[in-house]
Protein backbone atom coordinates (compact mmCIF):
# COMPACT_ATOMS: atom_id res chain seq x y z
CA MET A 1 -14.54 26.16 26.62
CA ILE A 2 -12.54 25.65 23.47
CA LYS A 3 -14.17 24.45 20.20
CA PHE A 4 -12.69 21.46 18.19
CA ILE A 5 -13.63 21.52 14.73
CA THR A 6 -13.86 18.03 12.92
CA SER A 7 -16.30 15.72 11.26
CA ASN A 8 -14.14 12.82 12.44
CA GLU A 9 -15.80 11.30 15.65
CA HIS A 10 -12.53 9.17 16.34
CA LYS A 11 -10.47 12.22 16.33
CA PHE A 12 -12.80 13.96 18.69
CA GLN A 13 -12.71 11.03 21.13
CA GLU A 14 -8.83 10.84 21.03
CA ILE A 15 -8.49 14.51 21.77
CA SER A 16 -11.36 15.26 23.91
CA ARG A 17 -10.14 12.85 26.70
CA LYS A 18 -6.62 14.15 26.81
CA LEU A 19 -7.86 17.79 26.94
CA GLU A 20 -10.38 17.04 29.63
CA ASN A 21 -7.82 15.11 31.59
CA SER A 22 -5.68 18.22 31.48
CA GLY A 23 -8.50 20.35 32.91
CA PHE A 24 -9.90 21.81 29.60
CA SER A 25 -13.46 21.96 28.47
CA ILE A 26 -14.00 21.23 25.02
CA GLU A 27 -16.95 21.38 22.59
CA TRP A 28 -17.09 19.37 19.40
CA ILE A 29 -18.32 21.23 16.35
CA LYS A 30 -19.11 18.74 13.95
CA LEU A 31 -18.37 20.39 10.67
CA THR A 32 -17.25 19.30 7.35
CA TYR A 33 -15.35 22.11 5.68
CA GLU A 34 -13.43 22.33 2.14
CA GLU A 35 -9.64 22.07 2.34
CA ILE A 36 -7.20 23.39 -0.05
CA GLN A 37 -5.21 20.93 -2.10
CA ALA A 38 -1.54 21.41 -1.12
CA ASP A 39 1.53 19.03 -0.32
CA ASP A 40 1.94 20.39 3.20
CA THR A 41 -0.16 19.37 6.31
CA SER A 42 0.63 22.79 8.08
CA GLU A 43 -0.52 24.75 5.00
CA ILE A 44 -3.79 23.05 4.90
CA SER A 45 -4.44 23.26 8.61
CA ALA A 46 -3.66 27.16 8.54
CA ASP A 47 -5.50 27.66 5.52
CA SER A 48 -8.72 25.90 6.93
CA ALA A 49 -8.40 27.74 10.31
CA LYS A 50 -8.05 31.16 8.60
CA LYS A 51 -11.15 30.38 6.54
CA LEU A 52 -13.17 29.17 9.55
CA SER A 53 -12.28 32.15 11.72
CA THR A 54 -14.50 34.43 9.57
CA HIS A 55 -17.38 32.28 10.89
CA ILE A 56 -16.41 31.33 14.28
CA ASN A 57 -15.49 33.88 16.97
CA ASP A 58 -14.85 31.68 20.00
CA PRO A 59 -11.20 30.02 20.35
CA PHE A 60 -11.20 26.99 18.29
CA PHE A 61 -8.66 24.48 16.75
CA LEU A 62 -8.56 21.88 14.15
CA GLU A 63 -6.28 19.44 13.13
CA ASP A 64 -4.75 17.75 10.02
CA THR A 65 -2.82 14.46 9.80
CA GLY A 66 -1.03 12.75 6.96
CA LEU A 67 0.81 9.58 6.62
CA TYR A 68 4.00 10.18 4.69
CA ILE A 69 5.72 7.05 3.31
CA ASP A 70 9.39 7.78 2.20
CA SER A 71 9.54 5.13 -0.79
CA LEU A 72 6.33 6.88 -2.17
CA ASN A 73 7.88 10.35 -1.96
CA GLY A 74 5.85 11.13 1.05
CA PHE A 75 2.40 9.90 -0.45
CA PRO A 76 -0.34 9.84 0.51
CA GLY A 77 0.57 12.73 2.88
CA PRO A 78 -1.95 15.46 3.10
CA TYR A 79 -4.09 13.25 0.77
CA SER A 80 -4.43 10.59 3.46
CA SER A 81 -8.26 10.89 4.03
CA PHE A 82 -8.81 10.76 0.25
CA VAL A 83 -6.37 7.73 -0.45
CA SER A 84 -7.87 5.79 2.76
CA LYS A 85 -11.43 6.07 1.18
CA LYS A 86 -10.33 5.29 -2.27
CA ILE A 87 -7.79 2.48 -1.85
CA GLY A 88 -7.63 1.88 1.83
CA ASN A 89 -5.08 -0.16 3.48
CA PRO A 90 -4.97 -3.00 1.03
CA GLY A 91 -4.10 -0.47 -1.67
CA ILE A 92 -1.38 1.04 0.42
CA LEU A 93 0.12 -2.45 1.00
CA LYS A 94 -0.05 -3.18 -2.62
CA LEU A 95 1.97 -0.04 -3.65
CA LEU A 96 4.62 -0.89 -1.02
CA ASP A 97 5.11 -4.37 -2.38
CA GLY A 98 8.97 -4.85 -2.49
CA LYS A 99 9.61 -1.38 -1.35
CA ASP A 100 11.02 0.36 1.77
CA ARG A 101 8.23 0.71 4.26
CA THR A 102 9.62 3.54 6.51
CA ALA A 103 6.81 6.00 7.18
CA ARG A 104 5.62 8.62 9.62
CA PHE A 105 2.36 10.27 10.90
CA ILE A 106 2.45 14.08 10.88
CA THR A 107 -0.31 16.02 12.76
CA VAL A 108 -0.54 19.84 12.66
CA ILE A 109 -3.09 21.48 15.20
CA THR A 110 -3.92 25.07 14.30
CA TYR A 111 -5.22 27.05 17.21
CA CYS A 112 -7.12 30.32 16.68
CA GLU A 113 -8.16 32.87 19.42
CA ASP A 114 -8.76 36.57 18.45
CA LYS A 115 -7.81 35.96 14.74
CA LYS A 116 -4.39 34.77 16.07
CA PHE A 117 -3.07 31.43 14.86
CA HIS A 118 -0.68 29.04 16.49
CA GLN A 119 0.26 25.71 15.10
CA PHE A 120 1.56 22.58 16.95
CA THR A 121 3.14 19.73 15.15
CA GLY A 122 3.45 15.90 16.24
CA ILE A 123 5.38 13.42 14.33
CA LEU A 124 5.38 9.63 14.90
CA GLU A 125 8.03 7.74 13.18
CA GLY A 126 7.46 4.14 12.23
CA SER A 127 7.06 1.66 9.34
CA ILE A 128 4.16 0.12 7.38
CA SER A 129 3.38 -3.51 8.27
CA LYS A 130 3.17 -6.27 5.38
CA GLU A 131 -0.49 -6.91 6.39
CA THR A 132 -3.34 -5.25 8.28
CA LYS A 133 -3.31 -6.26 12.04
CA GLY A 134 -5.60 -5.36 14.91
CA SER A 135 -8.90 -4.09 15.37
CA GLY A 136 -8.43 -0.95 17.36
CA GLY A 137 -7.85 2.85 16.00
CA PHE A 138 -9.08 3.70 12.54
CA GLY A 139 -7.69 4.77 9.27
CA PHE A 140 -4.14 3.64 8.63
CA ASP A 141 -3.68 2.22 12.34
CA PRO A 142 -3.89 -1.51 11.22
CA ILE A 143 -0.89 -1.06 8.95
CA PHE A 144 1.29 1.69 10.94
CA ILE A 145 3.82 -0.02 13.27
CA PRO A 146 5.47 2.76 15.50
CA LYS A 147 9.18 2.97 15.97
CA GLY A 148 10.22 0.80 18.74
CA PHE A 149 7.02 -1.57 18.74
CA ASP A 150 6.34 -4.81 16.87
CA ARG A 151 2.56 -4.27 16.73
CA THR A 152 0.49 -1.75 14.74
CA LEU A 153 -1.43 1.04 16.33
CA ALA A 154 -4.44 -0.99 15.81
CA GLU A 155 -3.09 -3.66 17.88
CA ILE A 156 -2.14 -1.66 21.08
CA SER A 157 -4.55 -0.37 23.62
CA THR A 158 -6.08 3.07 23.22
CA ASP A 159 -4.38 4.27 26.30
CA GLU A 160 -1.10 3.20 24.95
CA LYS A 161 -1.70 4.70 21.46
CA ASN A 162 -2.63 7.68 22.94
CA SER A 163 0.48 7.96 25.11
CA ILE A 164 2.63 8.04 21.84
CA SER A 165 0.55 9.17 18.92
CA HIS A 166 1.38 11.91 16.52
CA ARG A 167 -1.98 13.64 17.55
CA THR A 168 -1.20 13.47 21.34
CA LEU A 169 2.38 14.89 20.62
CA ALA A 170 0.91 18.01 18.72
CA LEU A 171 -1.90 18.19 21.49
CA ASN A 172 0.67 18.24 24.23
CA GLN A 173 2.04 21.32 22.81
CA LEU A 174 -1.49 22.88 22.60
CA ILE A 175 -2.00 22.11 26.11
CA LEU A 176 1.33 23.50 27.37
CA PHE A 177 0.57 26.73 25.26
CA LEU A 178 -2.86 27.17 26.82
CA SER A 179 -1.53 26.39 30.31
CA GLU A 180 1.20 28.99 30.08
CA ARG A 181 -1.19 31.42 28.76
CA ASP A 182 -3.52 31.07 31.62
CA ASP A 183 -0.85 31.51 34.22
């Protein structure tokens, strides 16, 4: 049994389906924890895991995701959750008025077992739409168009999203790591 630490039910639903379909048992630890302020998603994920490892003895993982927009010098990046709550998708669209819309989601999963840490990164390239579209997903999904698509993440099916997402790309690496370790 692997514990996934997050306060975000949407993230748990996305991740648990994939792990369970791959033969792993997962337990949701619904926990809010304080994160350091840093410009690097992997640094935030690692720091959080190290702090939590002093309280959790079983194997666990957590993830940190950021939306990085090129014309905004990577903003909101690791501050995505805060920015989403404060200005939301309308605020991002306003900031990008007349600017390049190239962006990417970066997810970093940090897995901890026996006080050893392993990180797995998934990157989904794309762009920001000119308006919110779709009713699926959460967060910035209604404004993010994955490369090679003409629809936002909120417009595609959950299964389609989960087959290409940044979170899935990082999770696939974790699953491979766990599978190889168990052989």
